[in-house]
N, C-alpha and C. Protein backbone atom coordinates (compact mmCIF):
# COMPACT_ATOMS: atom_id res chain seq x y z
N MET A 1 90.82 42.41 99.31
CA MET A 1 90.04 43.25 98.43
C MET A 1 90.86 44.47 97.97
N LYS A 2 91.49 45.13 98.97
CA LYS A 2 92.29 46.29 98.63
C LYS A 2 93.49 45.91 97.79
N LEU A 3 94.05 44.73 98.06
CA LEU A 3 95.20 44.26 97.28
C LEU A 3 94.80 44.01 95.82
N GLY A 4 93.63 43.45 95.61
CA GLY A 4 93.13 43.20 94.26
C GLY A 4 92.93 44.49 93.48
N ILE A 5 92.38 45.51 94.14
CA ILE A 5 92.18 46.80 93.49
C ILE A 5 93.52 47.45 93.18
N ALA A 6 94.48 47.31 94.10
CA ALA A 6 95.82 47.87 93.88
C ALA A 6 96.50 47.20 92.70
N VAL A 7 96.35 45.88 92.59
CA VAL A 7 96.95 45.14 91.47
C VAL A 7 96.30 45.58 90.16
N ILE A 8 95.00 45.68 90.15
CA ILE A 8 94.29 46.10 88.94
C ILE A 8 94.71 47.51 88.54
N LEU A 9 94.81 48.41 89.52
CA LEU A 9 95.25 49.78 89.23
C LEU A 9 96.69 49.81 88.72
N ALA A 10 97.55 48.96 89.30
CA ALA A 10 98.95 48.90 88.85
C ALA A 10 99.04 48.41 87.41
N VAL A 11 98.26 47.37 87.09
CA VAL A 11 98.24 46.85 85.72
C VAL A 11 97.71 47.92 84.77
N PHE A 12 96.62 48.57 85.18
CA PHE A 12 96.04 49.62 84.35
C PHE A 12 97.05 50.76 84.13
N PHE A 13 97.73 51.17 85.19
CA PHE A 13 98.73 52.22 85.08
C PHE A 13 99.89 51.79 84.18
N GLY A 14 100.31 50.54 84.31
CA GLY A 14 101.37 50.00 83.46
C GLY A 14 100.97 50.03 81.99
N LEU A 15 99.74 49.60 81.71
CA LEU A 15 99.25 49.63 80.33
C LEU A 15 99.16 51.07 79.81
N LEU A 16 98.74 51.98 80.68
CA LEU A 16 98.65 53.39 80.30
C LEU A 16 100.02 53.96 79.96
N VAL A 17 101.02 53.63 80.77
CA VAL A 17 102.39 54.09 80.51
C VAL A 17 102.92 53.48 79.21
N ALA A 18 102.65 52.20 79.00
CA ALA A 18 103.10 51.53 77.78
C ALA A 18 102.48 52.19 76.55
N LYS A 19 101.19 52.49 76.63
CA LYS A 19 100.51 53.12 75.50
C LYS A 19 101.05 54.53 75.26
N ALA A 20 101.33 55.26 76.33
CA ALA A 20 101.90 56.60 76.19
C ALA A 20 103.28 56.52 75.52
N TRP A 21 104.08 55.54 75.92
CA TRP A 21 105.40 55.35 75.31
C TRP A 21 105.26 55.00 73.82
N SER A 22 104.28 54.17 73.53
CA SER A 22 104.03 53.80 72.13
C SER A 22 103.67 55.04 71.31
N PHE A 23 102.80 55.89 71.84
CA PHE A 23 102.44 57.12 71.14
C PHE A 23 103.65 58.03 70.95
N HIS A 24 104.48 58.11 71.97
CA HIS A 24 105.67 58.96 71.89
C HIS A 24 106.62 58.44 70.81
N SER A 25 106.85 57.14 70.77
CA SER A 25 107.73 56.54 69.75
C SER A 25 107.18 56.78 68.36
N ARG A 26 105.89 56.59 68.20
CA ARG A 26 105.25 56.79 66.89
C ARG A 26 105.33 58.26 66.48
N GLU A 27 105.17 59.18 67.44
CA GLU A 27 105.26 60.60 67.15
C GLU A 27 106.66 60.97 66.66
N ASN A 28 107.69 60.39 67.28
CA ASN A 28 109.06 60.64 66.84
C ASN A 28 109.30 60.14 65.42
N ALA A 29 108.80 58.95 65.12
CA ALA A 29 108.97 58.39 63.77
C ALA A 29 108.23 59.24 62.75
N LEU A 30 107.01 59.65 63.06
CA LEU A 30 106.24 60.47 62.13
C LEU A 30 106.86 61.85 61.96
N SER A 31 107.44 62.37 63.02
CA SER A 31 108.10 63.67 62.94
C SER A 31 109.30 63.59 61.99
N SER A 32 110.04 62.52 62.06
CA SER A 32 111.18 62.31 61.15
C SER A 32 110.69 62.20 59.71
N GLN A 33 109.63 61.44 59.51
CA GLN A 33 109.06 61.30 58.16
C GLN A 33 108.58 62.64 57.62
N LEU A 34 107.93 63.42 58.48
CA LEU A 34 107.43 64.73 58.07
C LEU A 34 108.58 65.63 57.64
N SER A 35 109.68 65.57 58.36
CA SER A 35 110.85 66.37 58.01
C SER A 35 111.38 65.99 56.63
N GLN A 36 111.44 64.71 56.34
CA GLN A 36 111.91 64.24 55.04
C GLN A 36 110.95 64.69 53.93
N ILE A 37 109.67 64.58 54.18
CA ILE A 37 108.67 64.96 53.18
C ILE A 37 108.72 66.46 52.93
N GLU A 38 108.90 67.25 53.99
CA GLU A 38 109.00 68.71 53.81
C GLU A 38 110.22 69.07 52.97
N THR A 39 111.34 68.37 53.17
CA THR A 39 112.54 68.62 52.37
C THR A 39 112.28 68.27 50.91
N GLN A 40 111.64 67.14 50.66
CA GLN A 40 111.31 66.74 49.29
C GLN A 40 110.36 67.76 48.65
N TYR A 41 109.41 68.26 49.43
CA TYR A 41 108.47 69.25 48.92
C TYR A 41 109.18 70.54 48.54
N LYS A 42 110.10 70.99 49.39
CA LYS A 42 110.86 72.21 49.07
C LYS A 42 111.68 72.02 47.80
N ASN A 43 112.30 70.85 47.64
CA ASN A 43 113.06 70.57 46.42
C ASN A 43 112.15 70.55 45.20
N ALA A 44 110.98 69.97 45.34
CA ALA A 44 110.04 69.92 44.23
C ALA A 44 109.56 71.33 43.86
N GLU A 45 109.32 72.16 44.88
CA GLU A 45 108.92 73.54 44.60
C GLU A 45 110.01 74.30 43.86
N GLU A 46 111.27 74.09 44.27
CA GLU A 46 112.38 74.75 43.60
C GLU A 46 112.51 74.28 42.15
N ASP A 47 112.35 72.97 41.93
CA ASP A 47 112.38 72.43 40.56
C ASP A 47 111.25 73.04 39.73
N TYR A 48 110.08 73.16 40.33
CA TYR A 48 108.94 73.74 39.62
C TYR A 48 109.22 75.19 39.22
N ARG A 49 109.78 75.96 40.16
CA ARG A 49 110.11 77.36 39.84
C ARG A 49 111.14 77.43 38.72
N ASN A 50 112.13 76.55 38.75
CA ASN A 50 113.14 76.54 37.69
C ASN A 50 112.51 76.16 36.34
N LEU A 51 111.62 75.18 36.35
CA LEU A 51 110.95 74.78 35.11
C LEU A 51 110.06 75.91 34.58
N GLN A 52 109.38 76.60 35.49
CA GLN A 52 108.55 77.74 35.07
C GLN A 52 109.41 78.82 34.43
N ALA A 53 110.56 79.10 35.04
CA ALA A 53 111.46 80.11 34.50
C ALA A 53 111.97 79.69 33.12
N ASP A 54 112.33 78.41 32.97
CA ASP A 54 112.76 77.91 31.66
C ASP A 54 111.64 78.01 30.64
N TYR A 55 110.44 77.67 31.06
CA TYR A 55 109.29 77.74 30.15
C TYR A 55 109.07 79.17 29.67
N GLU A 56 109.10 80.10 30.60
CA GLU A 56 108.92 81.51 30.22
C GLU A 56 110.03 81.97 29.29
N TYR A 57 111.25 81.51 29.53
CA TYR A 57 112.39 81.90 28.69
C TYR A 57 112.22 81.33 27.27
N TYR A 58 111.89 80.05 27.18
CA TYR A 58 111.78 79.41 25.86
C TYR A 58 110.49 79.77 25.13
N LYS A 59 109.55 80.39 25.82
CA LYS A 59 108.33 80.83 25.16
C LYS A 59 108.62 81.92 24.13
N ASN A 60 109.66 82.67 24.37
CA ASN A 60 110.09 83.70 23.43
C ASN A 60 110.82 83.02 22.26
N PRO A 61 110.34 83.17 21.03
CA PRO A 61 110.95 82.48 19.88
C PRO A 61 112.43 82.84 19.68
N ALA A 62 112.82 84.06 19.98
CA ALA A 62 114.22 84.44 19.80
C ALA A 62 115.11 83.66 20.77
N ASN A 63 114.65 83.49 22.00
CA ASN A 63 115.43 82.73 22.97
C ASN A 63 115.50 81.26 22.59
N LEU A 64 114.39 80.72 22.10
CA LEU A 64 114.37 79.33 21.68
C LEU A 64 115.34 79.11 20.53
N GLU A 65 115.33 80.01 19.57
CA GLU A 65 116.25 79.88 18.44
C GLU A 65 117.70 79.98 18.91
N LYS A 66 117.97 80.90 19.83
CA LYS A 66 119.33 81.06 20.35
C LYS A 66 119.80 79.76 21.01
N GLU A 67 118.93 79.13 21.79
CA GLU A 67 119.31 77.88 22.45
C GLU A 67 119.50 76.75 21.44
N LEU A 68 118.63 76.69 20.44
CA LEU A 68 118.79 75.66 19.41
C LEU A 68 120.12 75.82 18.68
N ARG A 69 120.47 77.05 18.36
CA ARG A 69 121.74 77.30 17.68
C ARG A 69 122.92 76.90 18.57
N THR A 70 122.84 77.22 19.85
CA THR A 70 123.94 76.94 20.76
C THR A 70 124.09 75.45 21.04
N ARG A 71 123.01 74.80 21.37
CA ARG A 71 123.10 73.40 21.80
C ARG A 71 123.21 72.40 20.66
N PHE A 72 122.51 72.66 19.56
CA PHE A 72 122.40 71.64 18.52
C PHE A 72 122.99 72.07 17.18
N ASN A 73 123.78 73.14 17.19
CA ASN A 73 124.38 73.65 15.96
C ASN A 73 123.32 73.86 14.87
N TYR A 74 122.19 74.38 15.28
CA TYR A 74 121.10 74.64 14.36
C TYR A 74 121.46 75.82 13.46
N ARG A 75 121.09 75.72 12.20
CA ARG A 75 121.27 76.84 11.28
C ARG A 75 120.11 76.83 10.30
N SER A 76 119.81 78.00 9.77
CA SER A 76 118.76 78.07 8.76
C SER A 76 119.36 77.63 7.42
N PRO A 77 118.54 77.23 6.45
CA PRO A 77 119.04 76.68 5.19
C PRO A 77 119.94 77.64 4.41
N ASP A 78 119.75 78.94 4.54
CA ASP A 78 120.57 79.85 3.75
C ASP A 78 121.84 80.30 4.48
N GLU A 79 122.12 79.75 5.63
CA GLU A 79 123.32 80.13 6.39
C GLU A 79 124.44 79.12 6.18
N LYS A 80 125.65 79.61 6.29
CA LYS A 80 126.84 78.74 6.30
C LYS A 80 127.32 78.69 7.74
N MET A 81 127.91 77.57 8.12
CA MET A 81 128.35 77.43 9.49
C MET A 81 129.74 76.85 9.54
N ILE A 82 130.56 77.41 10.41
CA ILE A 82 131.88 76.87 10.68
C ILE A 82 131.91 76.52 12.16
N ILE A 83 132.26 75.29 12.45
CA ILE A 83 132.33 74.87 13.84
C ILE A 83 133.80 74.83 14.23
N MET A 84 134.14 75.64 15.25
CA MET A 84 135.51 75.73 15.73
C MET A 84 135.67 74.75 16.90
N VAL A 85 136.66 73.88 16.78
CA VAL A 85 136.95 72.93 17.84
C VAL A 85 138.24 73.37 18.51
N PRO A 86 138.24 73.53 19.83
CA PRO A 86 139.46 73.97 20.50
C PRO A 86 140.55 72.90 20.39
N PRO A 87 141.80 73.34 20.33
CA PRO A 87 142.89 72.36 20.22
C PRO A 87 143.02 71.55 21.51
N VAL A 88 143.52 70.35 21.37
CA VAL A 88 143.73 69.48 22.51
C VAL A 88 145.00 69.93 23.21
N ALA A 89 144.95 70.05 24.52
CA ALA A 89 146.12 70.47 25.28
C ALA A 89 147.17 69.37 25.24
N THR A 90 148.40 69.75 24.97
CA THR A 90 149.49 68.77 24.94
C THR A 90 150.42 69.04 26.10
N SER A 91 151.16 68.04 26.44
CA SER A 91 152.11 68.17 27.55
C SER A 91 153.29 69.02 27.11
N THR A 92 153.73 69.95 27.96
CA THR A 92 154.86 70.81 27.62
C THR A 92 156.18 70.27 28.16
N SER A 93 156.09 69.22 28.95
CA SER A 93 157.34 68.66 29.48
C SER A 93 158.03 67.84 28.41
N SER A 94 159.32 67.88 28.43
CA SER A 94 160.07 67.11 27.44
C SER A 94 161.12 66.28 28.16
N THR A 95 161.55 65.23 27.51
CA THR A 95 162.54 64.36 28.12
C THR A 95 163.96 64.83 27.82
N ARG A 96 164.12 65.77 26.89
CA ARG A 96 165.45 66.28 26.57
C ARG A 96 165.90 67.31 27.60
N PRO A 97 167.20 67.33 27.89
CA PRO A 97 167.70 68.33 28.85
C PRO A 97 167.85 69.70 28.27
């Protein structure tokens, strides 16, 4: 009788330890996932702040016009434009002595 109770308690204890180990393993995996998600969230927040700053900057018509002129060579119809292209760097070494 006592041996049967001891076996049942041992099996129960074994199952309890196995379940505790399972919870511990799952907690480690979820902790790793949480860390990755927190990093992604911080990156998304930083992107959002940058987009908000860009939005506020481009909301001003003068800034928008300045960017259009710089990036897309925008000009108004009554303006003349000269686009300066930098010269291509050439090699200064020569084969002559």
